[in-house]
Protein backbone atom coordinates (compact mmCIF):
# COMPACT_ATOMS: atom_id res chain seq x y z
CA MET A 1 -31.23 34.47 40.94
CA ARG A 2 -31.33 32.62 44.25
CA GLU A 3 -34.74 33.99 45.18
CA ARG A 4 -36.08 32.80 41.83
CA ILE A 5 -34.79 29.29 42.48
CA GLY A 6 -36.21 29.27 46.01
CA LEU A 7 -39.52 30.71 44.87
CA ALA A 8 -39.75 28.16 42.05
CA VAL A 9 -39.19 25.29 44.49
CA LEU A 10 -41.83 26.64 46.88
CA ILE A 11 -44.36 27.17 44.10
CA LEU A 12 -43.75 23.64 42.83
CA ALA A 13 -44.18 22.17 46.33
CA VAL A 14 -47.41 24.10 46.94
CA ALA A 15 -48.75 23.17 43.50
CA VAL A 16 -48.05 19.47 44.09
CA ALA A 17 -49.75 19.69 47.50
CA PHE A 18 -52.89 21.31 46.09
CA ALA A 19 -53.03 19.06 43.01
CA ALA A 20 -52.20 15.82 44.87
CA PRO A 21 -55.36 13.95 43.76
CA GLN A 22 -54.64 14.80 40.11
CA VAL A 23 -50.90 14.03 40.03
CA THR A 24 -50.81 10.83 42.11
CA ASN A 25 -52.22 7.30 42.09
CA GLY A 26 -55.00 8.01 44.57
CA HIS A 27 -55.33 7.72 48.34
CA PRO A 28 -52.02 7.85 50.26
CA ASP A 29 -53.02 4.92 52.51
CA ARG A 30 -54.22 2.59 49.76
CA GLN A 31 -52.85 -0.94 50.09
CA ARG A 32 -53.32 -3.81 47.62
CA ASP A 33 -51.60 -7.19 47.78
CA VAL A 34 -49.00 -5.99 50.28
CA ALA A 35 -46.84 -9.10 49.90
CA LEU A 36 -46.48 -8.46 46.16
CA THR A 37 -46.28 -4.66 46.13
CA ARG A 38 -44.12 -3.86 49.17
CA PHE A 39 -40.71 -2.26 48.67
CA LEU A 40 -41.00 -1.92 44.91
CA PRO A 41 -38.07 0.18 43.63
CA PRO A 42 -38.62 3.52 41.87
CA LEU A 43 -39.89 3.57 38.27
CA THR A 44 -41.66 0.20 38.75
CA THR A 45 -45.09 -0.83 37.49
CA ASP A 46 -46.89 -3.25 39.81
CA MET A 47 -49.15 -6.19 38.94
CA HIS A 48 -52.20 -3.89 38.84
CA GLY A 49 -50.63 -1.62 36.23
CA ASP A 50 -49.95 1.25 38.65
CA TRP A 51 -46.69 3.08 38.06
CA HIS A 52 -44.65 4.02 41.13
CA PRO A 53 -42.14 6.75 40.21
CA LEU A 54 -40.65 6.75 43.73
CA GLY A 55 -41.33 3.12 44.62
CA THR A 56 -43.47 1.75 47.45
CA ASP A 57 -43.05 1.33 51.22
CA ARG A 58 -43.38 -1.68 53.52
CA PHE A 59 -47.18 -1.66 53.16
CA GLY A 60 -47.18 -1.36 49.38
CA ARG A 61 -48.21 2.30 49.52
CA ASP A 62 -47.00 4.56 46.73
CA VAL A 63 -44.22 6.82 48.04
CA TRP A 64 -44.93 9.58 45.50
CA THR A 65 -48.59 9.69 46.52
CA ARG A 66 -47.71 9.88 50.21
CA LEU A 67 -45.07 12.52 49.47
CA ALA A 68 -47.60 14.74 47.66
CA TYR A 69 -50.27 14.37 50.34
CA GLY A 70 -47.64 14.75 53.05
CA ALA A 71 -46.71 18.11 51.55
CA ARG A 72 -50.18 19.31 52.51
CA ILE A 73 -49.52 18.49 56.16
CA SER A 74 -45.92 19.68 56.35
CA LEU A 75 -46.39 22.91 54.40
CA GLY A 76 -49.73 23.61 56.07
CA VAL A 77 -48.32 23.12 59.55
CA GLY A 78 -45.37 25.40 58.77
CA ALA A 79 -47.52 28.17 57.29
CA LEU A 80 -50.20 28.10 59.99
CA ALA A 81 -47.67 27.96 62.81
CA VAL A 82 -45.85 30.99 61.44
CA ALA A 83 -49.17 32.82 60.96
CA ILE A 84 -49.98 32.29 64.66
CA SER A 85 -46.51 33.45 65.63
CA VAL A 86 -46.83 36.59 63.50
CA LEU A 87 -50.23 37.48 64.96
CA ILE A 88 -49.09 37.03 68.56
CA GLY A 89 -45.75 38.73 67.92
CA CYS A 90 -47.35 41.75 66.23
CA LEU A 91 -49.89 42.09 69.04
CA ILE A 92 -47.40 41.88 71.90
CA GLY A 93 -44.60 43.79 70.19
CA GLY A 94 -46.95 46.47 68.93
CA VAL A 95 -48.65 47.06 72.29
CA ALA A 96 -45.29 47.09 74.07
CA GLY A 97 -43.87 49.54 71.51
CA ILE A 98 -46.75 52.02 71.71
CA SER A 99 -47.11 51.79 75.49
CA ARG A 100 -44.95 53.18 78.25
CA GLY A 101 -44.21 52.24 81.83
CA TRP A 102 -45.05 48.89 83.38
CA ILE A 103 -47.11 47.63 80.41
CA SER A 104 -44.22 47.90 77.99
CA ASN A 105 -41.67 46.66 80.50
CA GLY A 106 -43.84 43.74 81.55
CA LEU A 107 -44.59 42.59 78.01
CA MET A 108 -40.96 42.72 76.94
CA ALA A 109 -39.78 41.03 80.14
CA GLY A 110 -42.23 38.20 79.42
CA THR A 111 -40.94 38.05 75.85
CA ASP A 112 -37.34 37.84 77.01
CA PHE A 113 -38.23 35.11 79.49
CA ALA A 114 -40.00 33.06 76.80
CA LEU A 115 -37.09 33.68 74.42
CA ALA A 116 -34.64 32.33 76.99
CA LEU A 117 -36.47 29.01 77.26
CA PRO A 118 -35.01 26.23 75.06
CA ARG A 119 -37.62 25.86 72.33
CA VAL A 120 -36.91 22.24 71.44
CA VAL A 121 -37.22 21.11 75.07
CA LEU A 122 -40.43 23.12 75.45
CA LEU A 123 -41.81 21.59 72.24
CA LEU A 124 -41.05 18.08 73.46
CA LEU A 125 -42.64 18.80 76.84
CA LEU A 126 -45.84 20.28 75.42
CA ALA A 127 -46.14 17.58 72.76
CA ALA A 128 -45.74 14.88 75.43
CA LEU A 129 -48.47 16.33 77.65
CA TRP A 130 -51.26 16.07 75.08
CA ARG A 131 -52.25 13.59 72.41
CA PRO A 132 -50.03 14.24 69.38
CA SER A 133 -51.80 15.58 66.28
CA ALA A 134 -51.28 18.04 63.45
CA THR A 135 -53.43 20.61 65.26
CA LEU A 136 -51.34 20.31 68.40
CA VAL A 137 -48.13 20.76 66.40
CA VAL A 138 -49.49 23.94 64.79
CA VAL A 139 -50.53 25.40 68.14
CA VAL A 140 -47.31 24.42 69.91
CA LEU A 141 -45.08 25.78 67.14
CA GLY A 142 -47.12 28.97 66.96
CA LEU A 143 -47.03 29.55 70.72
CA THR A 144 -43.28 29.00 70.91
CA GLY A 145 -42.19 31.02 67.88
CA TRP A 146 -43.64 34.51 68.41
CA MET A 147 -40.87 36.00 70.58
CA THR A 148 -38.50 37.01 67.77
CA ILE A 149 -41.39 38.60 65.87
CA ALA A 150 -42.41 40.54 68.99
CA ARG A 151 -38.87 41.86 69.40
CA LEU A 152 -38.74 42.97 65.77
CA VAL A 153 -42.12 44.69 65.92
CA TYR A 154 -41.27 46.36 69.23
CA GLY A 155 -38.12 47.91 67.81
CA GLU A 156 -39.82 49.03 64.59
CA VAL A 157 -42.82 50.53 66.40
CA ARG A 158 -40.55 52.43 68.79
CA SER A 159 -38.62 53.85 65.86
CA LEU A 160 -41.67 54.70 63.77
CA ALA A 161 -43.52 56.32 66.68
CA ALA A 162 -40.89 59.07 66.77
CA ARG A 163 -41.36 60.01 63.11
CA GLY A 164 -43.35 62.92 61.77
CA PHE A 165 -46.39 61.04 60.46
CA ALA A 166 -46.98 59.41 63.87
CA GLU A 167 -46.57 62.71 65.70
CA SER A 168 -49.01 64.33 63.27
CA ALA A 169 -51.56 61.62 64.03
CA TRP A 170 -51.06 62.27 67.75
CA ALA A 171 -51.61 66.01 67.20
CA LEU A 172 -54.85 65.32 65.32
CA GLY A 173 -56.19 63.40 68.30
CA ALA A 174 -55.86 59.83 67.04
CA THR A 175 -55.91 57.16 69.73
CA ARG A 176 -52.98 54.89 70.50
CA GLY A 177 -54.80 51.91 69.03
CA ARG A 178 -55.60 53.69 65.78
CA ILE A 179 -52.05 54.95 65.36
CA LEU A 180 -50.67 51.49 66.09
CA TRP A 181 -52.84 49.44 63.73
CA ARG A 182 -53.41 52.01 60.97
CA HIS A 183 -49.96 53.61 60.78
CA LEU A 184 -47.22 51.85 62.73
CA ILE A 185 -47.85 48.12 62.23
CA PRO A 186 -48.29 48.35 58.42
CA ASN A 187 -44.96 50.21 58.17
CA ALA A 188 -43.24 47.68 60.43
CA LEU A 189 -44.14 44.59 58.40
CA THR A 190 -41.03 44.42 56.21
CA PRO A 191 -38.77 42.71 58.79
CA VAL A 192 -41.75 40.62 59.91
CA ILE A 193 -42.24 39.27 56.39
CA VAL A 194 -38.55 38.39 56.19
CA ALA A 195 -38.66 36.63 59.56
CA ALA A 196 -41.83 34.78 58.55
CA ALA A 197 -40.24 33.49 55.35
CA LEU A 198 -37.31 32.15 57.32
CA GLY A 199 -39.62 30.86 60.05
CA VAL A 200 -41.69 28.70 57.69
CA GLY A 201 -38.68 26.54 56.87
CA ASN A 202 -37.79 26.25 60.54
CA ALA A 203 -41.36 25.29 61.45
CA ILE A 204 -41.48 22.62 58.73
CA LEU A 205 -38.21 21.21 60.02
CA LEU A 206 -39.44 21.17 63.62
CA GLU A 207 -42.70 19.48 62.58
CA ALA A 208 -40.74 16.79 60.79
CA GLY A 209 -38.56 16.31 63.87
CA LEU A 210 -41.55 15.99 66.19
CA SER A 211 -43.30 13.58 63.82
CA TYR A 212 -40.11 11.55 63.50
CA LEU A 213 -40.02 11.21 67.29
CA GLY A 214 -43.70 10.21 67.38
CA LEU A 215 -44.77 13.45 69.07
CA GLY A 216 -46.24 15.16 66.02
CA VAL A 217 -48.45 13.93 63.19
CA GLN A 218 -49.38 10.32 63.83
CA ALA A 219 -49.24 7.41 61.39
CA PRO A 220 -50.84 6.43 59.09
CA THR A 221 -51.37 10.13 58.25
CA ALA A 222 -48.78 11.08 55.65
CA SER A 223 -46.35 13.84 56.57
CA TRP A 224 -42.72 14.12 55.63
CA GLY A 225 -41.69 13.46 59.22
CA THR A 226 -43.74 10.29 59.57
CA MET A 227 -42.50 9.07 56.18
CA ILE A 228 -38.87 9.54 57.23
CA ALA A 229 -39.59 7.74 60.49
CA SER A 230 -41.27 4.81 58.72
CA GLY A 231 -38.33 4.41 56.36
CA GLY A 232 -35.62 4.82 58.96
CA ASP A 233 -35.11 1.08 59.43
CA THR A 234 -35.15 0.25 55.70
CA LEU A 235 -32.26 2.43 54.54
CA VAL A 236 -30.29 -0.61 53.41
CA ASN A 237 -32.89 -2.55 51.44
CA ALA A 238 -35.30 0.30 50.51
CA PRO A 239 -33.56 3.68 50.90
CA TRP A 240 -36.09 5.48 48.70
CA VAL A 241 -38.78 5.28 51.40
CA ALA A 242 -36.96 7.76 53.66
CA ALA A 243 -34.79 9.45 51.01
CA ALA A 244 -37.71 10.93 49.03
CA PRO A 245 -39.34 12.86 51.91
CA ALA A 246 -35.94 13.78 53.34
CA LEU A 247 -34.87 15.30 50.02
CA ALA A 248 -38.18 17.16 49.69
CA LEU A 249 -37.79 18.49 53.23
CA VAL A 250 -34.25 19.72 52.58
CA LEU A 251 -35.19 21.40 49.30
CA VAL A 252 -38.18 23.23 50.79
CA VAL A 253 -36.24 24.40 53.86
CA ILE A 254 -33.39 25.65 51.65
CA ALA A 255 -35.93 27.36 49.37
CA CYS A 256 -37.50 29.17 52.35
CA THR A 257 -34.04 30.26 53.46
CA LEU A 258 -33.14 31.55 50.00
CA VAL A 259 -36.36 33.54 49.73
CA GLY A 260 -35.97 34.93 53.25
CA ASP A 261 -32.36 35.94 52.65
CA ALA A 262 -33.27 37.61 49.37
CA LEU A 263 -36.09 39.56 51.03
CA ARG A 264 -33.75 40.60 53.84
CA ASP A 265 -31.13 41.81 51.36
CA ARG A 266 -33.70 43.89 49.50
CA ALA A 267 -35.08 45.33 52.73
CA THR A 268 -31.63 46.27 54.04
CA PRO A 269 -30.26 49.55 52.64
CA GLY A 270 -26.92 49.06 50.93
CA ALA A 271 -27.27 45.27 50.88
CA ALA A 272 -25.25 43.48 48.29
């Protein structure tokens, strides 16, 4: 039941992001008669006849429109960052698992060193060194999130390499690379998929945090983090400006967690 709820929330969020031009009032940065349209409460129709289901912000921009377009940035950043992490983690973990000697030891020592670094501090440092942008956030999150994936793949590849089908491939003269990418990696993807589902929510949350601090997506580009930041000082007189993206963020992160937990339970023998 929980995976259905989580999956439904994720499908709804992705559908709104893709169909943003069709389900909103237009461009997320559109401003008209700011003095008359700013801080309109939810379910209000303005002087131009535009309906604002979630109200407007300090610049008279429709919060629902910015929320829908912001979903493109937030969900896209989370998905792309996790994709980069999975690719790097599978490469490093797979090579370390199939190799022996100094190659395996060196790769896993580097993974352990990177895993020991505080990720949030590293994110803040990297984001402060270059001009903040959505592309930078994707790259930074991807380059700081692969270590857990590499550890998972390393353990799975080590275990699978000792099984009969891998030994048969060795006996038939298959190379290490062929055995790794044709036989071992495909059979090691189950825990990777689970970790990726959980990682998407974490990446979305980190993107929102960086954007809130001004080190991620930059205004006026709509993302859930920048929307929360822009409404942080209007919680008393216009709470809907920050509450709408904050609620969307919480729901999507919880949905990712529910889906990841459900996948993990199904992948674990004897799970309840």
